[in-house]
Amino acid sequence: MAMLFHSDNAASVHPAVWRAMQAADAPDASYDEDTLSARLDEAFSGLFGQDCAALWVATGTAANCLALASMVPPEGGVVCHHEAHIESDECGAPGFFLHGAKLMQAQGEGAKLTQQDIADVIDPIAVDVHRVQPYAVSITQASELGLVYKPDELGELTGYIQGKQLKLHIDGARFANAVAHLGCTPMEACSGADALSFGFVKNGGMGAEAIIFFDPAAADMIRYRRKRSGHLQSKGRFMAAQILALLEGNLWLDNARAANAAAREIAEAAQTRLIHPVEANEVFLQLTEGESAALRGEGFGFYERKGGARIVTSWNSPSDHVAALAKAIAAL
């Protein structure tokens, strides 16, 4: 029997999401004028403790790029880590959605950025018509290597970004896992952001993500951009239903805690094989080709990456599969 740890994208849809979508299968207004979509602003304003606007889209790529489109003109630039999803995994979508705006790659340990990492990119740029000027910074919470920005790190970073009169976007594909790890409020985990891509698909959703604008007026233009990009679905109530179901009773956070706990169990077995600390639901291990082959021979599926393996747990990773993988790694 295959025991799969490739990606939380492949996890099952949570039963509460299916029930919510079934309940939404009744006549209602079309596009985003239905009763469920109308509840999103209030739901997220309550979650974050301040007024915000929330728009649903189908994919994380659209969430990231539409959020950035509210911040960056075609002649501008976005500072991001060279491991960032917008740089390495979105097939040029930022350039498409932002009409040619440039991604400015920065270096940083653990796929995180510090004030100095950003300064290294933007300080050499002269204010000159011949040079692309930075307009925004995009960071990922939790990062592509599974590390989490702590509130004090965010505070230092956002103070610097705001001082440079730049906007901040947070790719929160695994934002729930970051909040679960930190044990803080959702607002503390994204403090200072102008827009957040709040991931749900990796955390029990079927096909809905949310873009959160902490200045509600910033969402106005993006409503048009969402339509133009083909992401204004005619039966939007099914998108809103997924998101509301996961917000209900903090199910999104319970799911993330379960995924994080499974990752910690595997990490405890891996010990000195860990390439990065495990702070969310991704485990990066040092494995030889032979060791990878041995694990695959026992039925475990995972992606190989940079001389090792990336193991990703999900909200419903079977406990017996997690225990078996931990035991197999410890026995290598």
Protein backbone atom coordinates (compact mmCIF):
# COMPACT_ATOMS: atom_id res chain seq x y z
CA MET A 1 0.00 0.00 0.00
CA ALA A 2 1.41 3.39 -0.99
CA MET A 3 2.04 5.83 1.85
CA LEU A 4 2.24 9.24 0.23
CA PHE A 5 4.01 12.31 1.58
CA HIS A 6 4.53 14.26 -1.65
CA SER A 7 2.35 17.28 -1.00
CA ASP A 8 -0.50 18.58 1.13
CA ASN A 9 -2.08 19.64 -2.18
CA ALA A 10 -2.98 15.98 -2.64
CA ALA A 11 -4.72 15.62 0.72
CA SER A 12 -8.39 14.78 0.97
CA VAL A 13 -11.05 17.45 1.10
CA HIS A 14 -12.33 17.85 4.64
CA PRO A 15 -15.86 16.42 5.13
CA ALA A 16 -17.05 19.76 6.50
CA VAL A 17 -16.11 21.36 3.19
CA TRP A 18 -18.11 18.81 1.22
CA ARG A 19 -21.11 19.36 3.49
CA ALA A 20 -20.85 23.12 3.09
CA MET A 21 -20.68 22.86 -0.68
CA GLN A 22 -23.70 20.55 -0.72
CA ALA A 23 -25.60 23.00 1.45
CA ALA A 24 -24.66 25.80 -0.96
CA ASP A 25 -26.19 23.88 -3.88
CA ALA A 26 -29.35 25.96 -3.97
CA PRO A 27 -30.35 28.91 -6.12
CA ASP A 28 -28.59 32.13 -5.13
CA ALA A 29 -27.13 35.20 -6.80
CA SER A 30 -24.31 34.61 -9.26
CA TYR A 31 -20.62 35.55 -9.29
CA ASP A 32 -19.71 37.13 -5.92
CA GLU A 33 -23.13 38.59 -5.12
CA ASP A 34 -24.40 35.52 -3.27
CA THR A 35 -25.12 35.40 0.43
CA LEU A 36 -22.04 33.32 1.29
CA SER A 37 -19.56 35.53 -0.54
CA ALA A 38 -21.13 38.53 1.17
CA ARG A 39 -20.09 37.05 4.54
CA LEU A 40 -16.38 36.86 3.80
CA ASP A 41 -15.40 40.42 4.66
CA GLU A 42 -17.06 40.19 8.05
CA ALA A 43 -15.63 36.73 8.74
CA PHE A 44 -12.06 37.74 8.04
CA SER A 45 -12.43 41.12 9.75
CA GLY A 46 -13.43 39.20 12.86
CA LEU A 47 -10.55 36.76 12.47
CA PHE A 48 -7.94 39.50 12.10
CA GLY A 49 -9.51 42.01 14.44
CA GLN A 50 -9.68 44.83 11.91
CA ASP A 51 -11.61 45.80 8.83
CA CYS A 52 -10.44 43.97 5.73
CA ALA A 53 -11.73 42.85 2.37
CA ALA A 54 -11.59 39.23 1.23
CA LEU A 55 -11.83 37.91 -2.33
CA TRP A 56 -11.95 34.25 -3.27
CA VAL A 57 -9.97 32.80 -6.17
CA ALA A 58 -9.38 29.23 -7.28
CA THR A 59 -5.60 28.97 -6.94
CA GLY A 60 -2.68 30.20 -4.90
CA THR A 61 -1.02 31.46 -8.07
CA ALA A 62 -3.96 33.74 -8.76
CA ALA A 63 -4.08 34.86 -5.12
CA ASN A 64 -0.41 35.82 -5.11
CA CYS A 65 -0.42 37.55 -8.47
CA LEU A 66 -3.68 39.45 -8.06
CA ALA A 67 -2.56 40.67 -4.64
CA LEU A 68 0.71 41.92 -6.11
CA ALA A 69 -1.18 43.55 -8.99
CA SER A 70 -2.72 45.89 -6.44
CA MET A 71 0.74 47.09 -5.43
CA VAL A 72 3.07 47.09 -8.42
CA PRO A 73 2.83 48.85 -11.79
CA PRO A 74 4.16 47.22 -14.99
CA GLU A 75 7.42 49.16 -14.78
CA GLY A 76 8.00 48.25 -11.13
CA GLY A 77 9.59 45.39 -9.22
CA VAL A 78 8.85 42.93 -6.42
CA VAL A 79 11.62 41.82 -4.07
CA CYS A 80 11.28 38.12 -3.21
CA HIS A 81 13.44 35.22 -2.12
CA HIS A 82 14.95 33.21 -4.97
CA GLU A 83 13.12 30.15 -3.56
CA ALA A 84 9.77 31.99 -3.49
CA HIS A 85 6.87 30.25 -5.16
CA ILE A 86 6.22 33.31 -7.34
CA GLU A 87 9.78 32.99 -8.67
CA SER A 88 10.30 29.26 -8.96
CA ASP A 89 6.88 27.61 -9.28
CA GLU A 90 4.40 29.86 -11.06
CA CYS A 91 5.50 29.61 -14.68
CA GLY A 92 5.95 33.35 -15.16
CA ALA A 93 2.46 34.15 -13.86
CA PRO A 94 3.61 37.26 -11.95
CA GLY A 95 4.93 38.78 -15.16
CA PHE A 96 1.63 37.96 -16.86
CA PHE A 97 -0.67 39.32 -14.15
CA LEU A 98 1.57 42.32 -13.44
CA HIS A 99 2.03 43.11 -17.15
CA GLY A 100 5.80 42.73 -17.11
CA ALA A 101 6.77 43.85 -13.61
CA LYS A 102 10.10 42.38 -12.53
CA LEU A 103 10.84 39.91 -9.73
CA MET A 104 14.00 40.98 -7.88
CA GLN A 105 15.58 37.92 -6.30
CA ALA A 106 17.09 38.09 -2.83
CA GLN A 107 19.08 35.59 -0.81
CA GLY A 108 18.18 34.56 2.71
CA GLU A 109 18.64 31.61 5.03
CA GLY A 110 15.78 29.14 5.13
CA ALA A 111 13.97 30.92 2.27
CA LYS A 112 13.24 33.80 4.66
CA LEU A 113 14.20 37.43 4.13
CA THR A 114 15.75 39.86 6.60
CA GLN A 115 16.09 43.61 6.40
CA GLN A 116 19.66 43.18 5.18
CA ASP A 117 18.66 40.67 2.49
CA ILE A 118 16.22 43.22 1.06
CA ALA A 119 18.69 46.07 1.39
CA ASP A 120 21.25 44.10 -0.57
CA VAL A 121 18.82 44.09 -3.50
CA ILE A 122 17.35 47.58 -3.38
CA ASP A 123 20.17 49.77 -2.05
CA PRO A 124 22.25 49.57 -5.25
CA ILE A 125 19.26 50.65 -7.39
CA ALA A 126 19.59 54.28 -8.41
CA VAL A 127 16.44 56.41 -8.67
CA ASP A 128 16.78 56.58 -12.42
CA VAL A 129 14.35 56.17 -15.29
CA HIS A 130 16.61 53.44 -16.69
CA ARG A 131 16.29 51.23 -13.60
CA VAL A 132 13.34 49.16 -12.41
CA GLN A 133 12.22 50.58 -9.07
CA PRO A 134 11.03 48.34 -6.21
CA TYR A 135 7.41 48.77 -5.20
CA ALA A 136 6.76 45.74 -3.01
CA VAL A 137 8.26 42.88 -1.06
CA SER A 138 6.77 39.38 -1.05
CA ILE A 139 7.57 36.91 1.71
CA THR A 140 6.18 33.45 2.45
CA GLN A 141 4.68 32.43 5.81
CA ALA A 142 5.64 29.59 6.37
CA SER A 143 8.58 29.71 3.96
CA GLU A 144 9.22 27.33 1.09
CA LEU A 145 11.66 25.49 3.38
CA GLY A 146 9.16 25.20 6.20
CA LEU A 147 10.42 28.02 8.43
CA VAL A 148 8.17 30.54 10.14
CA TYR A 149 8.54 34.28 10.65
CA LYS A 150 8.08 35.07 14.33
CA PRO A 151 6.13 38.22 15.28
CA ASP A 152 9.28 40.09 16.33
CA GLU A 153 10.96 39.19 13.03
CA LEU A 154 7.91 40.47 11.16
CA GLY A 155 7.90 43.64 13.19
CA GLU A 156 11.49 44.44 12.34
CA LEU A 157 10.99 43.52 8.70
CA THR A 158 7.77 45.43 8.17
CA GLY A 159 9.14 48.51 9.90
CA TYR A 160 11.97 48.58 7.42
CA ILE A 161 9.68 47.89 4.42
CA GLN A 162 7.29 50.64 5.41
CA GLY A 163 10.20 53.00 5.98
CA LYS A 164 11.22 52.41 2.38
CA GLN A 165 7.62 53.16 1.32
CA LEU A 166 7.20 49.66 -0.10
CA LYS A 167 4.14 47.42 0.13
CA LEU A 168 4.25 43.96 1.71
CA HIS A 169 2.57 40.85 0.33
CA ILE A 170 2.60 37.58 2.24
CA ASP A 171 2.20 34.29 0.42
CA GLY A 172 0.29 32.31 3.03
CA ALA A 173 -0.15 29.01 1.21
CA ARG A 174 0.69 27.43 4.59
CA PHE A 175 -0.31 30.40 6.74
CA ALA A 176 -2.43 28.11 8.92
CA ASN A 177 0.60 25.96 9.71
CA ALA A 178 2.58 29.06 10.66
CA VAL A 179 -0.14 30.30 13.02
CA ALA A 180 -0.44 26.82 14.56
CA HIS A 181 3.32 26.70 15.16
CA LEU A 182 3.53 30.19 16.63
CA GLY A 183 0.48 29.88 18.86
CA CYS A 184 -0.24 33.55 18.25
CA THR A 185 -3.17 35.41 16.73
CA PRO A 186 -3.57 35.37 12.95
CA MET A 187 -2.89 39.12 12.89
CA GLU A 188 0.41 38.69 14.75
CA ALA A 189 1.50 36.13 12.13
CA CYS A 190 1.05 38.62 9.28
CA SER A 191 1.45 41.96 11.04
CA GLY A 192 2.34 44.79 8.67
CA ALA A 193 1.14 43.07 5.53
CA ASP A 194 -0.86 45.00 2.97
CA ALA A 195 -2.24 41.80 1.44
CA LEU A 196 -2.19 38.14 2.42
CA SER A 197 -2.79 35.11 0.22
CA PHE A 198 -4.59 32.89 2.75
CA GLY A 199 -4.23 29.27 1.72
CA PHE A 200 -7.07 26.78 2.15
CA VAL A 201 -6.48 24.11 -0.52
CA LYS A 202 -3.46 22.66 1.32
CA ASN A 203 -5.43 22.61 4.54
CA GLY A 204 -8.63 20.72 3.73
CA GLY A 205 -10.16 22.85 0.97
CA MET A 206 -11.07 21.62 -2.48
CA GLY A 207 -10.37 24.60 -4.70
CA ALA A 208 -10.58 27.98 -3.00
CA GLU A 209 -8.06 30.47 -1.66
CA ALA A 210 -8.63 33.93 -0.21
CA ILE A 211 -6.88 37.23 -0.86
CA ILE A 212 -7.07 39.42 2.23
CA PHE A 213 -6.62 43.18 1.80
CA PHE A 214 -5.98 44.99 5.07
CA ASP A 215 -6.94 48.23 3.35
CA PRO A 216 -10.39 47.31 1.99
CA ALA A 217 -10.18 50.01 -0.69
CA ALA A 218 -7.23 48.18 -2.26
CA ALA A 219 -9.57 45.35 -3.24
CA ASP A 220 -11.66 47.55 -5.52
CA MET A 221 -9.34 47.41 -8.53
CA ILE A 222 -8.65 43.72 -8.00
CA ARG A 223 -12.32 42.87 -8.39
CA TYR A 224 -11.93 43.95 -12.02
CA ARG A 225 -8.57 42.21 -12.38
CA ARG A 226 -10.07 39.01 -11.00
CA LYS A 227 -12.77 39.10 -13.67
CA ARG A 228 -10.29 39.92 -16.42
CA SER A 229 -8.04 37.02 -15.42
CA GLY A 230 -10.88 34.49 -15.55
CA HIS A 231 -11.15 33.95 -11.80
CA LEU A 232 -14.61 35.40 -11.20
CA GLN A 233 -16.53 32.14 -11.10
CA SER A 234 -20.23 32.32 -11.89
CA LYS A 235 -21.18 30.07 -8.95
CA GLY A 236 -18.91 31.76 -6.48
CA ARG A 237 -20.98 30.57 -3.55
CA PHE A 238 -19.15 27.24 -3.78
CA MET A 239 -15.83 29.04 -3.30
CA ALA A 240 -17.10 31.01 -0.33
CA ALA A 241 -18.70 27.90 1.18
CA GLN A 242 -15.33 26.12 1.36
CA ILE A 243 -13.63 29.03 3.06
CA LEU A 244 -16.41 29.65 5.57
CA ALA A 245 -16.54 25.96 6.46
CA LEU A 246 -12.84 25.94 7.33
CA LEU A 247 -13.10 29.17 9.31
CA GLU A 248 -16.06 27.82 11.31
CA GLY A 249 -14.91 26.88 14.79
CA ASN A 250 -11.27 27.41 13.75
CA LEU A 251 -11.26 24.19 11.76
CA TRP A 252 -8.48 25.68 9.61
CA LEU A 253 -6.29 25.89 12.70
CA ASP A 254 -7.17 22.41 13.98
CA ASN A 255 -6.25 20.96 10.59
CA ALA A 256 -2.93 22.77 10.60
CA ARG A 257 -2.12 21.57 14.08
CA ALA A 258 -2.72 17.98 12.99
CA ALA A 259 -0.42 18.37 9.98
CA ASN A 260 2.28 20.02 12.09
CA ALA A 261 2.09 17.29 14.72
CA ALA A 262 2.61 14.61 12.08
CA ALA A 263 5.65 16.46 10.76
CA ARG A 264 7.10 16.75 14.28
CA GLU A 265 6.74 13.00 14.79
CA ILE A 266 8.76 12.34 11.65
CA ALA A 267 11.31 15.02 12.57
CA GLU A 268 11.90 13.47 15.98
CA ALA A 269 12.80 10.22 14.29
CA ALA A 270 15.05 11.94 11.74
CA GLN A 271 17.17 13.82 14.32
CA THR A 272 20.56 14.67 12.75
CA ARG A 273 19.23 14.08 9.23
CA LEU A 274 17.20 17.27 9.35
CA ILE A 275 18.35 19.92 6.88
CA HIS A 276 16.12 22.62 8.38
CA PRO A 277 14.24 22.95 11.65
CA VAL A 278 10.67 21.68 11.35
CA GLU A 279 8.31 24.55 12.15
CA ALA A 280 5.32 23.71 9.96
CA ASN A 281 4.36 20.59 8.02
CA GLU A 282 7.41 20.11 5.81
CA VAL A 283 10.39 17.93 6.69
CA PHE A 284 13.63 18.19 4.71
CA LEU A 285 15.97 15.24 5.20
CA GLN A 286 19.47 14.30 4.16
CA LEU A 287 19.24 10.95 2.39
CA THR A 288 21.56 9.11 0.06
CA GLU A 289 20.20 7.72 -3.18
CA GLY A 290 20.27 4.28 -1.63
CA GLU A 291 18.35 5.39 1.42
CA SER A 292 15.74 7.11 -0.71
CA ALA A 293 15.37 3.95 -2.76
CA ALA A 294 15.01 1.88 0.40
CA LEU A 295 12.20 4.07 1.70
CA ARG A 296 10.45 3.95 -1.66
CA GLY A 297 10.79 0.19 -1.59
CA GLU A 298 8.85 0.15 1.65
CA GLY A 299 6.00 2.04 -0.02
CA PHE A 300 6.74 5.64 0.96
CA GLY A 301 6.27 8.36 -1.64
CA PHE A 302 8.01 11.75 -1.43
CA TYR A 303 9.88 14.25 -3.57
CA GLU A 304 13.65 14.29 -3.76
CA ARG A 305 15.23 17.70 -3.33
CA LYS A 306 18.79 19.00 -3.04
CA GLY A 307 20.56 15.88 -1.93
CA GLY A 308 17.76 14.63 0.20
CA ALA A 309 14.01 14.43 0.49
CA ARG A 310 11.05 16.72 1.13
CA ILE A 311 8.31 15.08 3.17
CA VAL A 312 5.00 16.91 3.55
CA THR A 313 2.27 15.95 5.99
CA SER A 314 -1.36 17.01 5.76
CA TRP A 315 -4.38 17.51 7.98
CA ASN A 316 -5.35 13.86 7.60
CA SER A 317 -2.05 12.05 7.16
CA PRO A 318 -2.90 8.55 8.44
CA SER A 319 -1.32 8.08 11.86
CA ASP A 320 -0.15 4.58 10.99
CA HIS A 321 1.57 5.89 7.85
CA VAL A 322 3.29 8.63 9.85
CA ALA A 323 4.44 6.17 12.49
CA ALA A 324 5.69 3.74 9.86
CA LEU A 325 7.69 6.43 8.09
CA ALA A 326 9.20 7.66 11.36
CA LYS A 327 10.20 4.10 12.23
CA ALA A 328 11.68 3.48 8.77
CA ILE A 329 13.74 6.69 8.88
CA ALA A 330 15.03 5.92 12.38
CA ALA A 331 16.09 2.46 11.17
CA LEU A 332 18.16 3.72 8.22
